[in-house]
Amino acid sequence: MKRFRTLITTALVIALSSLGVSAASADDTAAANCTGASRAGTQVARTAAAPVTVWLAGDSTMANPSAGRPCPAGWGSQFDALFNSDVTVKNQAVGGRSIQTWLYEGNVSGTKGSDGECRLTSSTYSSRWQAMLNASTGMKAGDYLFIQFGINDFSSTCPRHVGPARYQQLMTQMVQAALARGAHPVLLTPVAAITCSGGTATKNRGFVNETFAVGSATRTPVVDLQSLSVALYNNLRFCPNNGDYGSGPVGAFFCNDHTHFEAYGAQRIAGLVAGDIRRQNHPLATYLR
């Protein structure tokens, strides 16, 4: 009987040990899975916070102010301050440029061809666009390219003149170049100047439909900066205006014209762009302060 009890006890110990080992194995597996999930989550977080560069291409309403001249200040000069330290803004906007003269600086002639477009004397890109396309130092995967033209392009004379079809073609060209490098393009309709119809600020820029058409065709997000800026002017009650752009609330926002911005105005326009990026739930919004 004693020997029988010993055998039973031994069997129970073995069984319980086996269960203990299995439980431990399950616990270890769960812990390993949790650790793996934690590492994966950390990796996602690191990816989301990876430093990126935001490249800006546009005209004077986006450009940095000239040295010693605080006005005009383009909204791009105030954009960097809206992001955390993982974002670097490189503002390549230049005053007075249409999309074609920005892309082909020095190679756009003063005469039109039979198609009504300004002739190119060379298809060589401007140094600024070549630098942005540089595989080592230019746009890289994960970067962003903001494109805003359409203010100088309306000119009837060369070299700044750009027709609607050509405008759409060149904007598409820039979008595709960014996508080819793994960068994320963002299109903007041209920011409005301040013009009043009685007590209401009104839209006054072209190339809006063309910008949206490129966005639709290439699945690129569009910030309708013209509509946003006009709504802001109305909220700030800039109209009616007697033509005095150098004093009062309008003078604090604009330079002594109805087009270019003081630093305060540039800050407000930059805020509109950032706000719409957030509204659209764009990935870049995760970097906003």
Protein backbone atom coordinates (compact mmCIF):
# COMPACT_ATOMS: atom_id res chain seq x y z
CA MET A 1 0.00 0.00 0.00
CA LYS A 2 2.84 2.36 0.92
CA ARG A 3 4.52 1.65 -2.41
CA PHE A 4 1.21 2.36 -4.21
CA ARG A 5 0.83 5.73 -2.44
CA THR A 6 4.39 6.63 -3.44
CA LEU A 7 3.65 5.86 -7.07
CA ILE A 8 0.48 7.99 -6.97
CA THR A 9 2.33 10.91 -5.35
CA THR A 10 5.12 10.72 -7.91
CA ALA A 11 2.61 10.72 -10.77
CA LEU A 12 0.85 13.77 -9.33
CA VAL A 13 4.12 15.68 -8.95
CA ILE A 14 5.05 14.90 -12.55
CA ALA A 15 1.61 15.97 -13.76
CA LEU A 16 1.70 19.20 -11.79
CA SER A 17 5.24 19.94 -12.98
CA SER A 18 4.11 19.40 -16.52
CA LEU A 19 1.25 21.85 -16.01
CA GLY A 20 3.61 24.33 -14.44
CA VAL A 21 5.98 24.12 -17.37
CA SER A 22 3.10 24.61 -19.80
CA ALA A 23 1.80 27.60 -17.88
CA ALA A 24 5.25 29.10 -17.76
CA SER A 25 5.66 28.53 -21.47
CA ALA A 26 2.34 30.26 -22.15
CA ASP A 27 3.35 33.16 -19.90
CA ASP A 28 6.69 33.45 -21.65
CA THR A 29 4.98 33.43 -25.04
CA ALA A 30 2.54 36.14 -23.97
CA ALA A 31 5.39 38.21 -22.56
CA ALA A 32 7.33 37.80 -25.77
CA ASN A 33 4.28 38.84 -27.77
CA CYS A 34 3.80 41.90 -25.58
CA THR A 35 7.45 42.78 -25.93
CA GLY A 36 7.19 42.41 -29.68
CA ALA A 37 4.10 44.60 -29.79
CA SER A 38 5.83 47.16 -27.62
CA ARG A 39 8.83 47.20 -29.95
CA ALA A 40 6.55 47.49 -32.95
CA GLY A 41 4.73 50.40 -31.32
CA THR A 42 8.03 52.08 -30.55
CA GLN A 43 9.11 51.57 -34.15
CA VAL A 44 5.89 53.17 -35.42
CA ALA A 45 6.37 56.09 -33.07
CA ARG A 46 9.93 56.52 -34.27
CA THR A 47 8.80 56.42 -37.87
CA ALA A 48 6.09 59.00 -37.22
CA ALA A 49 8.62 61.32 -35.58
CA ALA A 50 11.31 60.87 -38.21
CA PRO A 51 12.79 64.26 -39.16
CA VAL A 52 11.44 65.59 -42.44
CA THR A 53 12.00 68.60 -44.67
CA VAL A 54 9.16 70.73 -45.99
CA TRP A 55 10.17 72.33 -49.30
CA LEU A 56 8.34 75.43 -50.51
CA ALA A 57 8.09 76.51 -54.14
CA GLY A 58 6.24 79.71 -54.99
CA ASP A 59 6.31 83.48 -55.44
CA SER A 60 6.65 86.58 -53.23
CA THR A 61 3.53 85.82 -51.19
CA MET A 62 5.35 82.72 -49.95
CA ALA A 63 8.98 83.91 -50.04
CA ASN A 64 11.26 84.96 -47.20
CA PRO A 65 11.73 88.73 -46.84
CA SER A 66 14.83 90.30 -48.38
CA ALA A 67 17.69 91.22 -46.04
CA GLY A 68 17.03 94.57 -44.44
CA ARG A 69 13.49 94.70 -45.81
CA PRO A 70 10.92 93.28 -43.40
CA CYS A 71 8.14 93.84 -45.93
CA PRO A 72 7.08 91.96 -47.92
CA ALA A 73 7.20 88.78 -45.86
CA GLY A 74 5.74 85.69 -47.50
CA TRP A 75 3.78 83.25 -45.36
CA GLY A 76 6.47 80.64 -45.93
CA SER A 77 8.82 82.67 -43.74
CA GLN A 78 6.50 82.02 -40.78
CA PHE A 79 5.76 78.37 -41.51
CA ASP A 80 8.66 76.73 -39.67
CA ALA A 81 7.57 78.15 -36.30
CA LEU A 82 4.31 76.18 -36.49
CA PHE A 83 6.07 72.79 -36.40
CA ASN A 84 8.07 70.87 -33.83
CA SER A 85 11.81 70.39 -34.06
CA ASP A 86 11.50 67.34 -36.31
CA VAL A 87 10.56 69.59 -39.25
CA THR A 88 12.91 71.77 -41.28
CA VAL A 89 11.33 74.22 -43.71
CA LYS A 90 13.38 75.12 -46.79
CA ASN A 91 11.73 78.05 -48.48
CA GLN A 92 12.67 78.25 -52.15
CA ALA A 93 9.91 80.69 -53.14
CA VAL A 94 11.12 83.70 -55.15
CA GLY A 95 9.34 86.98 -55.72
CA GLY A 96 8.04 87.82 -59.17
CA ARG A 97 8.09 84.27 -60.53
CA SER A 98 5.46 82.38 -62.41
CA ILE A 99 5.60 78.61 -62.27
CA GLN A 100 7.53 78.57 -65.56
CA THR A 101 10.10 81.24 -64.67
CA TRP A 102 10.62 79.54 -61.30
CA LEU A 103 11.30 76.23 -63.02
CA TYR A 104 13.31 77.55 -65.98
CA GLU A 105 14.97 80.69 -64.60
CA GLY A 106 16.88 82.46 -67.38
CA ASN A 107 15.62 80.12 -70.07
CA VAL A 108 12.19 81.64 -70.78
CA SER A 109 12.23 84.02 -73.73
CA GLY A 110 10.34 87.27 -74.14
CA THR A 111 8.38 86.00 -77.13
CA LYS A 112 5.44 83.66 -77.52
CA GLY A 113 5.23 80.68 -79.79
CA SER A 114 2.32 79.70 -82.02
CA ASP A 115 0.67 78.05 -79.02
CA GLY A 116 0.56 81.38 -77.18
CA GLU A 117 3.08 80.26 -74.58
CA CYS A 118 6.44 81.87 -73.84
CA ARG A 119 9.18 80.01 -75.68
CA LEU A 120 11.89 78.19 -73.77
CA THR A 121 15.41 78.85 -75.01
CA SER A 122 16.60 75.79 -73.09
CA SER A 123 14.93 72.97 -71.21
CA THR A 124 17.53 73.21 -68.44
CA TYR A 125 15.96 73.61 -65.03
CA SER A 126 16.78 76.48 -62.70
CA SER A 127 19.50 75.85 -60.13
CA ARG A 128 16.89 75.93 -57.34
CA TRP A 129 14.83 73.12 -58.86
CA GLN A 130 17.94 71.12 -59.75
CA ALA A 131 19.02 71.38 -56.10
CA MET A 132 15.64 70.15 -54.91
CA LEU A 133 15.87 67.20 -57.31
CA ASN A 134 19.40 66.31 -56.21
CA ALA A 135 19.43 62.70 -55.04
CA SER A 136 21.83 63.41 -52.17
CA THR A 137 20.81 66.81 -50.83
CA GLY A 138 17.35 67.45 -52.25
CA MET A 139 13.92 65.95 -51.65
CA LYS A 140 14.01 62.53 -50.03
CA ALA A 141 11.40 59.94 -49.21
CA GLY A 142 9.05 61.26 -46.54
CA ASP A 143 9.66 64.94 -47.29
CA TYR A 144 6.93 67.37 -48.39
CA LEU A 145 6.72 69.80 -51.29
CA PHE A 146 4.28 72.73 -51.11
CA ILE A 147 3.59 74.38 -54.47
CA GLN A 148 1.85 77.75 -54.80
CA PHE A 149 1.87 79.84 -57.96
CA GLY A 150 -0.78 81.57 -60.06
CA ILE A 151 -0.24 85.23 -59.12
CA ASN A 152 2.38 86.33 -61.65
CA ASP A 153 1.36 83.69 -64.20
CA PHE A 154 -1.65 85.73 -65.34
CA SER A 155 0.66 88.30 -67.02
CA SER A 156 -0.14 88.75 -70.70
CA THR A 157 3.54 89.24 -71.58
CA CYS A 158 6.57 87.00 -71.49
CA PRO A 159 8.52 85.72 -69.73
CA ARG A 160 6.00 85.44 -66.85
CA HIS A 161 2.92 84.58 -68.90
CA VAL A 162 1.60 81.03 -68.47
CA GLY A 163 -1.63 79.76 -70.02
CA PRO A 164 -4.02 77.46 -68.14
CA ALA A 165 -3.02 74.26 -69.94
CA ARG A 166 0.70 74.98 -69.57
CA TYR A 167 0.22 75.85 -65.90
CA GLN A 168 -1.48 72.53 -65.29
CA GLN A 169 1.25 70.70 -67.20
CA LEU A 170 4.08 72.28 -65.22
CA MET A 171 2.38 71.76 -61.86
CA THR A 172 1.82 68.10 -62.74
CA GLN A 173 5.48 67.86 -63.70
CA MET A 174 6.51 69.12 -60.25
CA VAL A 175 4.10 66.78 -58.48
CA GLN A 176 5.38 63.77 -60.38
CA ALA A 177 9.00 64.68 -59.64
CA ALA A 178 8.22 64.81 -55.91
CA LEU A 179 6.34 61.50 -56.00
CA ALA A 180 9.20 59.84 -57.87
CA ARG A 181 11.45 60.67 -54.91
CA GLY A 182 8.99 59.41 -52.34
CA ALA A 183 8.10 62.94 -51.23
CA HIS A 184 4.54 64.15 -50.59
CA PRO A 185 3.33 67.09 -52.71
CA VAL A 186 0.73 69.57 -51.47
CA LEU A 187 -0.87 72.09 -53.83
CA LEU A 188 -2.16 75.54 -52.90
CA THR A 189 -4.40 77.92 -54.77
CA PRO A 190 -2.88 81.43 -54.83
CA VAL A 191 -3.46 83.53 -51.72
CA ALA A 192 -5.82 86.45 -52.30
CA ALA A 193 -4.97 90.13 -52.26
CA ILE A 194 -7.40 92.40 -50.45
CA THR A 195 -10.07 93.76 -52.76
CA CYS A 196 -13.44 94.93 -51.57
CA SER A 197 -16.89 94.96 -53.04
CA GLY A 198 -18.54 97.30 -50.60
CA GLY A 199 -18.16 95.68 -47.22
CA THR A 200 -17.10 92.28 -48.54
CA ALA A 201 -13.63 90.98 -49.44
CA THR A 202 -13.72 89.16 -52.77
CA LYS A 203 -11.68 86.54 -54.60
CA ASN A 204 -9.21 87.90 -57.15
CA ARG A 205 -6.88 85.13 -58.27
CA GLY A 206 -6.86 82.74 -61.19
CA PHE A 207 -5.54 79.21 -61.79
CA VAL A 208 -7.77 77.82 -59.07
CA ASN A 209 -9.56 75.27 -61.28
CA GLU A 210 -6.23 74.20 -62.78
CA THR A 211 -4.76 73.60 -59.33
CA PHE A 212 -7.71 71.47 -58.29
CA ALA A 213 -7.56 69.59 -61.59
CA VAL A 214 -3.93 68.62 -60.95
CA GLY A 215 -4.82 67.62 -57.41
CA SER A 216 -7.62 65.40 -58.62
CA ALA A 217 -5.58 63.81 -61.43
CA THR A 218 -2.58 63.05 -59.22
CA ARG A 219 -4.47 62.44 -55.95
CA THR A 220 -2.60 65.31 -54.34
CA PRO A 221 -4.14 67.28 -51.46
CA VAL A 222 -5.08 70.89 -52.23
CA VAL A 223 -5.21 73.77 -49.76
CA ASP A 224 -7.66 76.33 -51.13
CA LEU A 225 -5.69 79.27 -49.80
CA GLN A 226 -7.61 81.79 -51.87
CA SER A 227 -10.92 80.89 -50.22
CA LEU A 228 -9.32 80.64 -46.78
CA SER A 229 -7.61 84.03 -47.07
CA VAL A 230 -10.76 85.80 -48.31
CA ALA A 231 -12.74 84.31 -45.42
CA LEU A 232 -10.08 85.58 -43.01
CA TYR A 233 -10.21 89.10 -44.50
CA ASN A 234 -13.96 89.12 -44.03
CA ASN A 235 -13.67 87.84 -40.47
CA LEU A 236 -11.19 90.64 -39.75
CA ARG A 237 -13.55 93.13 -41.42
CA PHE A 238 -10.97 94.58 -43.79
CA CYS A 239 -13.76 95.88 -46.01
CA PRO A 240 -14.88 98.46 -46.89
CA ASN A 241 -11.48 100.00 -47.56
CA ASN A 242 -10.78 103.48 -48.94
CA GLY A 243 -7.48 102.46 -50.51
CA ASP A 244 -5.36 103.16 -47.45
CA TYR A 245 -3.20 100.07 -47.00
CA GLY A 246 -0.63 101.66 -44.72
CA SER A 247 -2.53 102.18 -41.48
CA GLY A 248 -5.04 100.57 -39.16
CA PRO A 249 -5.75 96.81 -39.13
CA VAL A 250 -5.17 96.53 -42.89
CA GLY A 251 -1.82 98.32 -42.57
CA ALA A 252 -0.74 95.93 -39.81
CA PHE A 253 -1.54 92.98 -42.07
CA PHE A 254 -0.41 94.17 -45.50
CA CYS A 255 2.53 96.15 -46.81
CA ASN A 256 1.61 99.48 -48.37
CA ASP A 257 -0.21 97.67 -51.15
CA HIS A 258 -3.10 95.25 -51.29
CA THR A 259 -1.04 92.14 -52.04
CA HIS A 260 2.04 91.57 -49.86
CA PHE A 261 2.21 90.89 -46.15
CA GLU A 262 3.75 92.37 -43.07
CA ALA A 263 5.15 89.73 -40.68
CA TYR A 264 1.82 89.65 -38.80
CA GLY A 265 -0.13 89.04 -41.99
CA ALA A 266 2.32 86.34 -43.05
CA GLN A 267 1.84 84.63 -39.68
CA ARG A 268 -1.92 84.60 -40.09
CA ILE A 269 -1.73 83.18 -43.63
CA ALA A 270 0.76 80.51 -42.52
CA GLY A 271 -1.72 79.63 -39.77
CA LEU A 272 -4.44 79.14 -42.38
CA VAL A 273 -2.25 76.67 -44.28
CA ALA A 274 -1.37 74.74 -41.11
CA GLY A 275 -4.99 74.74 -40.00
CA ASP A 276 -6.16 73.24 -43.27
CA ILE A 277 -3.44 70.59 -43.14
CA ARG A 278 -4.79 69.65 -39.73
CA ARG A 279 -8.40 69.75 -40.95
CA GLN A 280 -7.57 67.39 -43.82
CA ASN A 281 -5.89 65.02 -41.34
CA HIS A 282 -2.76 65.16 -43.46
CA PRO A 283 0.19 63.13 -42.09
CA LEU A 284 2.23 66.32 -41.77
CA ALA A 285 -0.26 67.51 -39.15
CA THR A 286 1.34 65.18 -36.59
CA TYR A 287 4.34 67.54 -36.57
CA LEU A 288 2.36 70.69 -35.82
CA ARG A 289 2.85 72.27 -32.41
